[in-house]
Amino acid sequence: MGKKEIKCPHCKQWTEWEGGLYDRCQNCHELLEQEKINKMISLRERKQAEEAIERLRIENQNPFLRKITDYTTTIFISFILTVIAIVVLMAG
C-alpha cells in the first residue's frame, strides 16, 4: 500500500501515513489510529466478558452434563494415547 497523507488527530498537522494501524505521526510521534485501537480493545473486552458470562451460565445450568463431557473427553484422549502406544511398541 502506498503512502498517503493524513491529518494527525493530536497535533492537527499533515503527516505521511502507510495505512497501518500502529503508524505514528512524524511530528508529534503519537498513534494516528488511536481511536480505532481503543474501539478494537473495548470490543475485545466486551466479547470476552460476554463469553465468560455464557460459560458461567452453561456451567450453572447442567453440572451433570458438564461432568459427563469432561469424562468423555478424558476417555477419548486415553484411547487415542493407548492406540499410539500400541502402534509404537509394535513398530519398535
Protein backbone atom coordinates (compact mmCIF):
# COMPACT_ATOMS: atom_id res chain seq x y z
CA MET A 1 0.00 0.00 0.00
CA GLY A 2 1.43 3.37 -0.94
CA LYS A 3 1.97 6.27 1.39
CA LYS A 4 -0.87 8.74 1.87
CA GLU A 5 -1.21 11.88 3.88
CA ILE A 6 -3.47 12.08 6.89
CA LYS A 7 -4.16 14.80 9.42
CA CYS A 8 -2.93 13.81 12.86
CA PRO A 9 -5.78 13.84 15.39
CA HIS A 10 -3.38 15.03 18.13
CA CYS A 11 -1.28 17.84 16.64
CA LYS A 12 -3.54 18.59 13.62
CA GLN A 13 -0.54 18.52 11.24
CA TRP A 14 -0.48 16.63 7.94
CA THR A 15 1.79 13.59 8.01
CA GLU A 16 2.59 10.61 5.79
CA TRP A 17 0.57 7.50 6.56
CA GLU A 18 1.19 3.99 5.23
CA GLY A 19 -2.27 2.78 6.23
CA GLY A 20 -1.07 0.74 9.18
CA LEU A 21 -2.93 0.59 12.47
CA TYR A 22 0.17 1.41 14.54
CA ASP A 23 1.63 4.14 12.30
CA ARG A 24 2.82 7.23 14.16
CA CYS A 25 2.74 10.92 13.33
CA GLN A 26 6.04 12.27 12.03
CA ASN A 27 5.60 15.48 14.02
CA CYS A 28 4.34 14.50 17.49
CA HIS A 29 5.00 10.71 17.30
CA GLU A 30 1.50 9.84 18.57
CA LEU A 31 -0.51 6.95 17.09
CA LEU A 32 -2.59 8.05 14.11
CA GLU A 33 -5.29 5.41 14.63
CA GLN A 34 -5.57 5.56 18.44
CA GLU A 35 -9.37 5.82 18.32
CA LYS A 36 -9.66 2.70 16.17
CA ILE A 37 -7.28 0.81 18.50
CA ASN A 38 -9.38 1.84 21.53
CA LYS A 39 -12.55 0.62 19.80
CA MET A 40 -10.94 -2.73 18.98
CA ILE A 41 -9.77 -3.16 22.58
CA SER A 42 -13.20 -2.33 24.01
CA LEU A 43 -14.90 -4.71 21.56
CA ARG A 44 -12.48 -7.50 22.50
CA GLU A 45 -13.04 -6.88 26.22
CA ARG A 46 -16.82 -6.86 25.76
CA LYS A 47 -16.67 -10.09 23.77
CA GLN A 48 -14.52 -11.77 26.43
CA ALA A 49 -16.94 -10.64 29.15
CA GLU A 50 -19.91 -11.99 27.20
CA GLU A 51 -18.12 -15.32 26.66
CA ALA A 52 -17.30 -15.57 30.38
CA ILE A 53 -20.92 -14.90 31.29
CA GLU A 54 -22.08 -17.51 28.78
CA ARG A 55 -19.63 -20.10 30.19
CA LEU A 56 -20.87 -19.43 33.72
CA ARG A 57 -24.47 -19.71 32.59
CA ILE A 58 -23.81 -23.05 30.89
CA GLU A 59 -21.86 -24.39 33.89
CA ASN A 60 -24.65 -23.43 36.26
CA GLN A 61 -27.37 -24.90 34.04
CA ASN A 62 -26.33 -28.53 33.96
CA PRO A 63 -23.29 -29.58 36.01
CA PHE A 64 -24.06 -33.27 35.42
CA LEU A 65 -23.79 -32.85 31.64
CA ARG A 66 -20.53 -30.97 32.09
CA LYS A 67 -19.05 -33.81 34.16
CA ILE A 68 -20.08 -36.36 31.55
CA THR A 69 -18.45 -34.25 28.83
CA ASP A 70 -15.23 -33.98 30.87
CA TYR A 71 -15.13 -37.74 31.47
CA THR A 72 -15.85 -38.49 27.82
CA THR A 73 -13.02 -36.21 26.71
CA THR A 74 -10.62 -37.89 29.15
CA ILE A 75 -11.62 -41.38 27.98
CA PHE A 76 -11.24 -40.37 24.32
CA ILE A 77 -7.75 -38.95 24.88
CA SER A 78 -6.78 -42.08 26.83
CA PHE A 79 -7.99 -44.28 23.99
CA ILE A 80 -6.01 -42.33 21.38
CA LEU A 81 -2.85 -42.46 23.52
CA THR A 82 -3.28 -46.21 24.03
CA VAL A 83 -3.60 -46.77 20.28
CA ILE A 84 -0.49 -44.67 19.65
CA ALA A 85 1.43 -46.61 22.32
CA ILE A 86 0.44 -49.96 20.77
CA VAL A 87 1.49 -48.82 17.30
CA VAL A 88 4.85 -47.59 18.63
CA LEU A 89 5.50 -50.82 20.53
CA MET A 90 4.62 -52.95 17.51
CA ALA A 91 6.86 -50.90 15.22
CA GLY A 92 9.84 -50.96 17.57
